[in-house]
C-alpha atoms as a PDB file:
ATOM      1  CA  MET A   1     -74.097 103.867 159.697  1.00  0.00           C
ATOM      2  CA  ILE A   2     -74.689 107.731 161.014  1.00  0.00           C
ATOM      3  CA  ARG A   3     -71.250 107.935 161.920  1.00  0.00           C
ATOM      4  CA  LEU A   4     -69.889 106.922 157.927  1.00  0.00           C
ATOM      5  CA  VAL A   5     -72.427 110.462 156.868  1.00  0.00           C
ATOM      6  CA  TYR A   6     -70.778 112.296 159.503  1.00  0.00           C
ATOM      7  CA  ALA A   7     -67.515 111.990 158.319  1.00  0.00           C
ATOM      8  CA  PHE A   8     -68.689 112.342 155.045  1.00  0.00           C
ATOM      9  CA  PHE A   9     -70.065 115.785 155.808  1.00  0.00           C
ATOM     10  CA  ILE A  10     -66.671 117.044 157.608  1.00  0.00           C
ATOM     11  CA  VAL A  11     -64.898 115.680 154.426  1.00  0.00           C
ATOM     12  CA  ILE A  12     -66.534 117.817 152.392  1.00  0.00           C
ATOM     13  CA  LEU A  13     -66.833 120.575 154.497  1.00  0.00           C
ATOM     14  CA  VAL A  14     -62.929 120.309 154.628  1.00  0.00           C
ATOM     15  CA  ILE A  15     -62.779 120.439 150.522  1.00  0.00           C
ATOM     16  CA  ILE A  16     -65.312 123.141 150.411  1.00  0.00           C
ATOM     17  CA  MET A  17     -63.758 125.445 152.713  1.00  0.00           C
ATOM     18  CA  ASP A  18     -60.335 124.501 151.385  1.00  0.00           C
ATOM     19  CA  GLN A  19     -61.440 125.029 147.188  1.00  0.00           C
ATOM     20  CA  VAL A  20     -63.279 128.088 148.055  1.00  0.00           C
ATOM     21  CA  SER A  21     -60.454 130.066 150.334  1.00  0.00           C
ATOM     22  CA  LYS A  22     -57.920 128.460 146.886  1.00  0.00           C
ATOM     23  CA  ALA A  23     -60.295 129.896 143.671  1.00  0.00           C
ATOM     24  CA  TRP A  24     -60.686 133.590 145.911  1.00  0.00           C
ATOM     25  CA  ILE A  25     -57.084 133.777 146.235  1.00  0.00           C
ATOM     26  CA  LEU A  26     -56.327 132.557 142.645  1.00  0.00           C
ATOM     27  CA  ASP A  27     -59.079 135.830 141.742  1.00  0.00           C
ATOM     28  CA  VAL A  28     -57.561 138.352 144.449  1.00  0.00           C
ATOM     29  CA  MET A  29     -54.074 137.803 143.912  1.00  0.00           C
ATOM     30  CA  ASN A  30     -54.128 138.117 140.004  1.00  0.00           C
ATOM     31  CA  PRO A  31     -51.212 139.481 139.207  1.00  0.00           C
ATOM     32  CA  PRO A  32     -49.732 137.802 142.310  1.00  0.00           C
ATOM     33  CA  SER A  33     -48.374 140.068 145.081  1.00  0.00           C
ATOM     34  CA  THR A  34     -47.998 140.462 149.298  1.00  0.00           C
ATOM     35  CA  ILE A  35     -50.591 141.448 151.309  1.00  0.00           C
ATOM     36  CA  PRO A  36     -49.886 142.073 154.975  1.00  0.00           C
ATOM     37  CA  VAL A  37     -52.600 140.749 157.397  1.00  0.00           C
ATOM     38  CA  LEU A  38     -50.712 140.852 160.374  1.00  0.00           C
ATOM     39  CA  PRO A  39     -46.635 141.978 161.163  1.00  0.00           C
ATOM     40  CA  PHE A  40     -46.336 137.913 161.286  1.00  0.00           C
ATOM     41  CA  LEU A  41     -48.806 136.923 158.392  1.00  0.00           C
ATOM     42  CA  ASP A  42     -48.964 137.797 154.931  1.00  0.00           C
ATOM     43  CA  ILE A  43     -51.497 136.282 152.570  1.00  0.00           C
ATOM     44  CA  VAL A  44     -49.058 135.199 149.242  1.00  0.00           C
ATOM     45  CA  LEU A  45     -50.020 133.144 146.137  1.00  0.00           C
ATOM     46  CA  THR A  46     -47.431 130.223 145.568  1.00  0.00           C
ATOM     47  CA  TRP A  47     -47.633 126.722 143.668  1.00  0.00           C
ATOM     48  CA  ASN A  48     -46.661 124.039 145.281  1.00  0.00           C
ATOM     49  CA  LYS A  49     -44.656 121.555 142.843  1.00  0.00           C
ATOM     50  CA  GLY A  50     -43.851 118.614 146.098  1.00  0.00           C
ATOM     51  CA  ILE A  51     -45.173 117.258 149.039  1.00  0.00           C
ATOM     52  CA  GLY A  52     -45.949 119.151 152.010  1.00  0.00           C
ATOM     53  CA  PHE A  53     -42.894 121.840 153.255  1.00  0.00           C
ATOM     54  CA  GLY A  54     -42.126 122.000 149.152  1.00  0.00           C
ATOM     55  CA  LEU A  55     -40.101 118.589 149.530  1.00  0.00           C
ATOM     56  CA  PHE A  56     -40.133 116.231 146.551  1.00  0.00           C
ATOM     57  CA  GLN A  57     -40.656 118.800 143.661  1.00  0.00           C
ATOM     58  CA  ALA A  58     -42.232 116.975 140.953  1.00  0.00           C
ATOM     59  CA  HIS A  59     -41.819 118.858 138.253  1.00  0.00           C
ATOM     60  CA  THR A  60     -42.143 116.356 134.769  1.00  0.00           C
ATOM     61  CA  LEU A  61     -46.027 114.943 134.775  1.00  0.00           C
ATOM     62  CA  LEU A  62     -44.739 111.236 135.906  1.00  0.00           C
ATOM     63  CA  GLY A  63     -43.572 112.988 138.903  1.00  0.00           C
ATOM     64  CA  LYS A  64     -46.825 114.504 139.506  1.00  0.00           C
ATOM     65  CA  ILE A  65     -48.806 111.354 138.852  1.00  0.00           C
ATOM     66  CA  ILE A  66     -46.660 109.503 141.395  1.00  0.00           C
ATOM     67  CA  LEU A  67     -47.552 112.753 144.002  1.00  0.00           C
ATOM     68  CA  ILE A  68     -51.228 112.206 143.107  1.00  0.00           C
ATOM     69  CA  GLY A  69     -51.194 108.141 143.478  1.00  0.00           C
ATOM     70  CA  LEU A  70     -49.313 108.597 146.438  1.00  0.00           C
ATOM     71  CA  ALA A  71     -52.521 111.047 148.422  1.00  0.00           C
ATOM     72  CA  LEU A  72     -55.011 108.878 146.927  1.00  0.00           C
ATOM     73  CA  GLY A  73     -53.363 105.563 148.490  1.00  0.00           C
ATOM     74  CA  ILE A  74     -52.647 107.092 151.410  1.00  0.00           C
ATOM     75  CA  SER A  75     -56.165 108.580 151.620  1.00  0.00           C
ATOM     76  CA  ALA A  76     -57.992 105.169 150.429  1.00  0.00           C
ATOM     77  CA  ALA A  77     -55.642 103.811 153.198  1.00  0.00           C
ATOM     78  CA  LEU A  78     -57.223 106.162 155.671  1.00  0.00           C
ATOM     79  CA  GLY A  79     -60.584 105.589 154.007  1.00  0.00           C
ATOM     80  CA  ILE A  80     -60.623 102.121 155.162  1.00  0.00           C
ATOM     81  CA  TRP A  81     -59.849 102.793 158.783  1.00  0.00           C
ATOM     82  CA  LEU A  82     -62.416 105.650 158.858  1.00  0.00           C
ATOM     83  CA  TRP A  83     -64.867 102.958 157.621  1.00  0.00           C
ATOM     84  CA  ARG A  84     -63.712 100.549 160.934  1.00  0.00           C
ATOM     85  CA  THR A  85     -63.555 103.086 163.749  1.00  0.00           C
ATOM     86  CA  THR A  86     -66.175 103.349 166.185  1.00  0.00           C
ATOM     87  CA  ASP A  87     -63.969 106.038 168.214  1.00  0.00           C
ATOM     88  CA  LYS A  88     -65.123 109.598 167.456  1.00  0.00           C
ATOM     89  CA  LEU A  89     -62.118 111.680 167.670  1.00  0.00           C
ATOM     90  CA  LEU A  90     -60.854 109.152 165.386  1.00  0.00           C
ATOM     91  CA  LEU A  91     -63.598 109.283 163.136  1.00  0.00           C
ATOM     92  CA  ILE A  92     -63.153 113.336 163.166  1.00  0.00           C
ATOM     93  CA  SER A  93     -59.164 113.137 162.825  1.00  0.00           C
ATOM     94  CA  LEU A  94     -59.164 110.538 159.580  1.00  0.00           C
ATOM     95  CA  SER A  95     -62.017 112.749 157.808  1.00  0.00           C
ATOM     96  CA  ILE A  96     -60.183 115.949 158.896  1.00  0.00           C
ATOM     97  CA  ILE A  97     -56.711 114.452 156.893  1.00  0.00           C
ATOM     98  CA  ILE A  98     -59.266 112.891 154.158  1.00  0.00           C
ATOM     99  CA  GLY A  99     -60.425 116.581 153.600  1.00  0.00           C
ATOM    100  CA  GLY A 100     -57.143 118.071 153.278  1.00  0.00           C
ATOM    101  CA  ALA A 101     -55.574 115.715 151.028  1.00  0.00           C
ATOM    102  CA  ILE A 102     -58.211 115.525 148.804  1.00  0.00           C
ATOM    103  CA  GLY A 103     -58.147 119.233 148.502  1.00  0.00           C
ATOM    104  CA  ASN A 104     -54.512 119.025 147.328  1.00  0.00           C
ATOM    105  CA  ILE A 105     -55.347 116.043 145.289  1.00  0.00           C
ATOM    106  CA  ILE A 106     -57.796 118.158 143.281  1.00  0.00           C
ATOM    107  CA  ASP A 107     -55.252 121.332 142.873  1.00  0.00           C
ATOM    108  CA  ARG A 108     -52.870 119.141 141.548  1.00  0.00           C
ATOM    109  CA  LEU A 109     -55.224 117.741 138.845  1.00  0.00           C
ATOM    110  CA  ARG A 110     -56.452 121.128 138.290  1.00  0.00           C
ATOM    111  CA  PHE A 111     -53.360 122.758 138.487  1.00  0.00           C
ATOM    112  CA  GLY A 112     -50.666 120.691 138.449  1.00  0.00           C
ATOM    113  CA  ALA A 113     -49.389 122.282 141.429  1.00  0.00           C
ATOM    114  CA  VAL A 114     -51.185 123.176 144.976  1.00  0.00           C
ATOM    115  CA  VAL A 115     -52.036 126.852 145.635  1.00  0.00           C
ATOM    116  CA  ASP A 116     -50.929 127.796 148.933  1.00  0.00           C
ATOM    117  CA  PHE A 117     -51.387 131.242 150.471  1.00  0.00           C
ATOM    118  CA  ILE A 118     -50.802 131.398 154.058  1.00  0.00           C
ATOM    119  CA  TYR A 119     -47.654 132.568 154.770  1.00  0.00           C
ATOM    120  CA  VAL A 120     -46.718 132.878 158.735  1.00  0.00           C
ATOM    121  CA  HIS A 121     -42.504 135.001 159.300  1.00  0.00           C
ATOM    122  CA  VAL A 122     -41.166 131.897 161.043  1.00  0.00           C
ATOM    123  CA  TYR A 123     -37.558 131.364 160.339  1.00  0.00           C
ATOM    124  CA  ILE A 124     -35.702 128.867 162.418  1.00  0.00           C
ATOM    125  CA  LEU A 125     -31.577 128.395 162.003  1.00  0.00           C
ATOM    126  CA  GLY A 126     -32.202 130.385 158.736  1.00  0.00           C
ATOM    127  CA  TYR A 127     -34.922 128.620 157.485  1.00  0.00           C
ATOM    128  CA  HIS A 128     -38.367 130.101 156.372  1.00  0.00           C
ATOM    129  CA  PHE A 129     -41.393 128.382 157.331  1.00  0.00           C
ATOM    130  CA  PRO A 130     -42.924 127.543 153.776  1.00  0.00           C
ATOM    131  CA  ALA A 131     -46.538 128.664 152.756  1.00  0.00           C
ATOM    132  CA  PHE A 132     -49.083 126.748 153.166  1.00  0.00           C
ATOM    133  CA  ASN A 133     -53.419 126.827 152.585  1.00  0.00           C
ATOM    134  CA  VAL A 134     -56.448 125.116 154.653  1.00  0.00           C
ATOM    135  CA  ALA A 135     -55.980 121.730 152.956  1.00  0.00           C
ATOM    136  CA  ASP A 136     -52.768 121.675 154.775  1.00  0.00           C
ATOM    137  CA  SER A 137     -53.295 122.698 158.070  1.00  0.00           C
ATOM    138  CA  ALA A 138     -56.548 120.474 157.851  1.00  0.00           C
ATOM    139  CA  ILE A 139     -53.798 117.511 157.829  1.00  0.00           C
ATOM    140  CA  THR A 140     -51.573 118.995 160.480  1.00  0.00           C
ATOM    141  CA  VAL A 141     -55.002 119.465 162.683  1.00  0.00           C
ATOM    142  CA  GLY A 142     -56.016 115.893 161.849  1.00  0.00           C
ATOM    143  CA  VAL A 143     -52.106 114.141 162.870  1.00  0.00           C
ATOM    144  CA  CYS A 144     -52.132 116.449 166.254  1.00  0.00           C
ATOM    145  CA  LEU A 145     -55.593 114.915 167.160  1.00  0.00           C
ATOM    146  CA  LEU A 146     -54.510 111.397 166.086  1.00  0.00           C
ATOM    147  CA  LEU A 147     -51.486 111.587 167.651  1.00  0.00           C
ATOM    148  CA  ILE A 148     -54.127 113.019 170.761  1.00  0.00           C
ATOM    149  CA  GLU A 149     -56.203 110.421 170.350  1.00  0.00           C
ATOM    150  CA  SER A 150     -53.093 107.931 170.299  1.00  0.00           C
ATOM    151  CA  TYR A 151     -52.276 109.057 173.725  1.00  0.00           C
ATOM    152  CA  VAL A 152     -55.455 109.259 175.183  1.00  0.00           C
ATOM    153  CA  ARG A 153     -56.702 105.578 173.933  1.00  0.00           C
ATOM    154  CA  LYS A 154     -53.245 104.567 175.600  1.00  0.00           C
ATOM    155  CA  LYS A 155     -53.394 106.266 179.098  1.00  0.00           C
ATOM    156  CA  SER A 156     -57.316 104.781 179.510  1.00  0.00           C
ATOM    157  CA  ASP A 157     -56.487 101.439 178.423  1.00  0.00           C
ATOM    158  CA  PRO A 158     -53.856  99.655 180.683  1.00  0.00           C
ATOM    159  CA  ASN A 159     -52.883  96.419 178.095  1.00  0.00           C
ATOM    160  CA  ILE A 160     -51.491  98.577 175.908  1.00  0.00           C
ATOM    161  CA  SER A 161     -47.934  98.746 176.933  1.00  0.00           C
ATOM    162  CA  SER A 162     -45.285 101.125 176.456  1.00  0.00           C
ATOM    163  CA  LEU A 163     -41.850 100.723 173.818  1.00  0.00           C
ATOM    164  CA  PRO A 164     -39.020  99.538 175.790  1.00  0.00           C
ATOM    165  CA  HIS A 165     -36.708 102.147 176.955  1.00  0.00           C
END
C-alpha cells in the first residue's frame, strides 16, 4: 500500500509543478511575448488545441471532448497497470506519465487548450520542434523510463525472448 501512496505523491507533485508553471507563465506573459533564456531556448506562450507536437488539432467541442476522453482513458489504463505493479521503476514511470496527462487534461477543461511555453530552437529538415510544457516533459521522461525498465527487465529475464529478425 505504501507504494501507491508513493505513486500518488509523484502524480500530485507533477501536476503541481505543471500547473504552477503554467499559472506563472499566464501571469508573466500577458500580453503574449517572447522571453529569450538561452541562444537556443525561449519562453513563449502558445495554446495547443491538439495532442503532442500539435497533432490532431481539436477546434470543435466534440474534438476537445474526444481528446479529454482519450487522455482520461489512457490515464485510467496506466493507473490499473500502476495498481498492479510492484516494480519501482515502472511505478515511477507510470506515475510521472499519469501526472503529466492529468496536468494537460486540467488545461483542456479550464481553457479548451493546453498551455505550452518552452520553445527550444530545434529544426530538422525545415521542421521546427513545437513548444511544450512541464506536463509534456513529464510524459516524455516517463515514457523513456518505461523503455529503460522494459530493456532492463528483458536483460534480467532470460525467458523473455526477442522478436524474430
